[in-house]
C-alpha atoms as a PDB file:
ATOM      1  CA  THR A   1     -21.504  21.749 -23.343  1.00  0.00           C
ATOM      2  CA  PHE A   2     -17.994  23.196 -21.874  1.00  0.00           C
ATOM      3  CA  ARG A   3     -16.640  21.488 -18.913  1.00  0.00           C
ATOM      4  CA  GLU A   4     -14.946  23.997 -16.389  1.00  0.00           C
ATOM      5  CA  PRO A   5     -10.878  22.803 -16.169  1.00  0.00           C
ATOM      6  CA  VAL A   6     -11.325  23.316 -12.153  1.00  0.00           C
ATOM      7  CA  SER A   7     -13.479  20.273 -12.081  1.00  0.00           C
ATOM      8  CA  ASP A   8     -11.298  18.289 -14.604  1.00  0.00           C
ATOM      9  CA  TYR A   9      -8.384  19.219 -12.547  1.00  0.00           C
ATOM     10  CA  GLN A  10     -10.310  17.870  -9.241  1.00  0.00           C
ATOM     11  CA  VAL A  11     -11.069  14.640 -10.820  1.00  0.00           C
ATOM     12  CA  VAL A  12      -7.333  14.315 -11.974  1.00  0.00           C
ATOM     13  CA  ARG A  13      -6.134  14.840  -8.548  1.00  0.00           C
ATOM     14  CA  GLU A  14      -8.698  12.455  -6.833  1.00  0.00           C
ATOM     15  CA  LYS A  15      -7.801   9.760  -9.331  1.00  0.00           C
ATOM     16  CA  ALA A  16      -3.921  10.441  -9.000  1.00  0.00           C
ATOM     17  CA  ALA A  17      -4.556  10.250  -5.160  1.00  0.00           C
ATOM     18  CA  SER A  18      -6.861   6.798  -5.130  1.00  0.00           C
ATOM     19  CA  GLN A  19      -4.141   5.543  -7.518  1.00  0.00           C
ATOM     20  CA  ARG A  20      -1.139   6.506  -5.395  1.00  0.00           C
ATOM     21  CA  ARG A  21      -3.200   4.693  -2.063  1.00  0.00           C
ATOM     22  CA  ASP A  22      -3.696   1.687  -4.084  1.00  0.00           C
ATOM     23  CA  VAL A  23      -0.111   1.361  -5.065  1.00  0.00           C
ATOM     24  CA  GLU A  24       1.404   2.122  -1.711  1.00  0.00           C
ATOM     25  CA  ARG A  25      -1.262  -0.542  -0.244  1.00  0.00           C
ATOM     26  CA  ALA A  26      -0.298  -3.061  -2.771  1.00  0.00           C
ATOM     27  CA  LEU A  27       3.597  -2.390  -2.077  1.00  0.00           C
ATOM     28  CA  THR A  28       3.070  -2.927   1.701  1.00  0.00           C
ATOM     29  CA  ARG A  29       1.214  -6.011   1.288  1.00  0.00           C
ATOM     30  CA  PHE A  30       3.833  -7.298  -0.781  1.00  0.00           C
ATOM     31  CA  MET A  31       6.763  -6.426   1.515  1.00  0.00           C
ATOM     32  CA  ALA A  32       4.760  -7.920   4.044  1.00  0.00           C
ATOM     33  CA  LYS A  33       4.431 -11.276   2.589  1.00  0.00           C
ATOM     34  CA  THR A  34       7.920 -11.582   1.005  1.00  0.00           C
ATOM     35  CA  GLY A  35      10.304  -9.841   3.452  1.00  0.00           C
ATOM     36  CA  GLU A  36      12.058 -11.394   6.008  1.00  0.00           C
ATOM     37  CA  THR A  37      10.942 -11.927   9.488  1.00  0.00           C
ATOM     38  CA  GLN A  38      12.875 -11.475  12.699  1.00  0.00           C
ATOM     39  CA  SER A  39      11.889 -13.591  16.010  1.00  0.00           C
ATOM     40  CA  LEU A  40      11.536 -11.687  19.166  1.00  0.00           C
ATOM     41  CA  PHE A  41      11.891 -15.025  21.078  1.00  0.00           C
ATOM     42  CA  LYS A  42      14.749 -17.032  19.616  1.00  0.00           C
ATOM     43  CA  ASP A  43      14.667 -19.728  21.934  1.00  0.00           C
ATOM     44  CA  ASP A  44      10.950 -20.462  21.343  1.00  0.00           C
ATOM     45  CA  ILE A  45      10.757 -22.225  18.482  1.00  0.00           C
ATOM     46  CA  SER A  46       7.166 -23.263  18.532  1.00  0.00           C
ATOM     47  CA  ALA A  47       6.188 -19.424  18.593  1.00  0.00           C
ATOM     48  CA  PHE A  48       6.213 -18.978  14.835  1.00  0.00           C
ATOM     49  CA  PRO A  49       7.206 -21.536  12.217  1.00  0.00           C
ATOM     50  CA  CYS A  50      10.596 -20.590  10.226  1.00  0.00           C
END
């Protein structure tokens, strides 16, 4: 029961790509939640709570 190395390589590539997507998504969400926001309309205080 010998598996071909090409299929193993493909599985590793797919896992790495999936992991990279998950990390990128998590970092994007983290930055969106913790990053500073900039107000487009500084005069309108009620537009977004600071």
